[in-house]
Amino acid sequence: MDVTDLLGLDTLLAQFVLALGAAMVVGNGAAIVADARGRQPRRMEGTFRKSRAWWLLGVGVLIAAWGGLSLLAP
């Protein structure tokens, strides 16, 4: 029995990738929605960069899809 099989590292890595992508989607999605509603974080300086938030949301979708498909693959 291999250490990878014993600890389930393949599954653990896929779960980590899925969680990272989902966190990026939820976080950037919440920031985009909050900006659309006109809410600003308290004690925050600077401007909201919509293009960056949309870019990171798209990257998060790709990462989450990669992790999800890795869990489904045999």
Protein backbone atom coordinates (compact mmCIF):
# COMPACT_ATOMS: atom_id res chain seq x y z
CA MET A 1 0.00 0.00 0.00
CA ASP A 2 1.32 3.41 -1.03
CA VAL A 3 1.34 6.45 1.26
CA THR A 4 -0.79 8.35 -1.27
CA ASP A 5 -3.45 5.65 -1.11
CA LEU A 6 -3.21 5.35 2.66
CA LEU A 7 -3.74 9.07 3.30
CA GLY A 8 -6.00 9.70 0.31
CA LEU A 9 -3.84 12.57 -0.93
CA ASP A 10 -5.33 12.52 -4.43
CA THR A 11 -8.81 13.12 -3.06
CA LEU A 12 -7.55 15.61 -0.49
CA LEU A 13 -5.80 17.68 -3.16
CA ALA A 14 -8.90 17.70 -5.37
CA GLN A 15 -11.03 18.78 -2.40
CA PHE A 16 -8.57 21.58 -1.61
CA VAL A 17 -8.65 22.81 -5.22
CA LEU A 18 -12.46 22.72 -5.22
CA ALA A 19 -12.61 24.63 -1.92
CA LEU A 20 -10.14 27.26 -3.14
CA GLY A 21 -12.09 27.83 -6.35
CA ALA A 22 -15.41 27.97 -4.50
CA ALA A 23 -14.00 30.50 -2.03
CA MET A 24 -12.83 32.68 -4.91
CA VAL A 25 -16.25 32.51 -6.56
CA VAL A 26 -18.16 33.30 -3.37
CA GLY A 27 -15.82 36.08 -2.25
CA ASN A 28 -15.62 37.88 -5.56
CA GLY A 29 -19.31 37.33 -6.25
CA ALA A 30 -20.17 38.90 -2.89
CA ALA A 31 -17.88 41.85 -3.64
CA ILE A 32 -19.48 42.39 -7.05
CA VAL A 33 -23.01 42.24 -5.60
CA ALA A 34 -22.09 44.57 -2.73
CA ASP A 35 -20.61 47.09 -5.17
CA ALA A 36 -23.69 46.90 -7.38
CA ARG A 37 -25.87 47.69 -4.35
CA GLY A 38 -23.65 50.66 -3.48
CA ARG A 39 -22.20 49.23 -0.27
CA GLN A 40 -18.65 50.05 0.71
CA PRO A 41 -16.63 48.26 3.40
CA ARG A 42 -16.07 50.26 6.57
CA ARG A 43 -12.62 51.81 7.07
CA MET A 44 -11.69 51.00 3.47
CA GLU A 45 -9.64 53.22 1.22
CA GLY A 46 -9.28 52.86 -2.51
CA THR A 47 -11.59 52.05 -5.37
CA PHE A 48 -13.36 48.85 -6.31
CA ARG A 49 -11.88 47.29 -9.44
CA LYS A 50 -14.73 45.54 -11.23
CA SER A 51 -12.57 44.05 -13.96
CA ARG A 52 -10.26 42.46 -11.41
CA ALA A 53 -13.19 41.04 -9.43
CA TRP A 54 -14.77 39.59 -12.58
CA TRP A 55 -11.40 38.16 -13.67
CA LEU A 56 -10.85 36.46 -10.31
CA LEU A 57 -14.44 35.19 -10.32
CA GLY A 58 -13.78 33.54 -13.69
CA VAL A 59 -10.51 32.06 -12.46
CA GLY A 60 -12.35 30.74 -9.40
CA VAL A 61 -14.95 29.08 -11.61
CA LEU A 62 -12.22 27.35 -13.61
CA ILE A 63 -10.39 26.21 -10.47
CA ALA A 64 -13.62 24.94 -8.88
CA ALA A 65 -14.54 23.08 -12.06
CA TRP A 66 -11.08 21.52 -12.16
CA GLY A 67 -11.38 20.37 -8.55
CA GLY A 68 -14.93 19.08 -9.02
CA LEU A 69 -14.07 17.17 -12.16
CA SER A 70 -10.98 15.73 -10.47
CA LEU A 71 -13.22 14.33 -7.74
CA LEU A 72 -15.55 12.77 -10.31
CA ALA A 73 -12.80 11.25 -12.45
CA PRO A 74 -11.99 7.60 -11.77
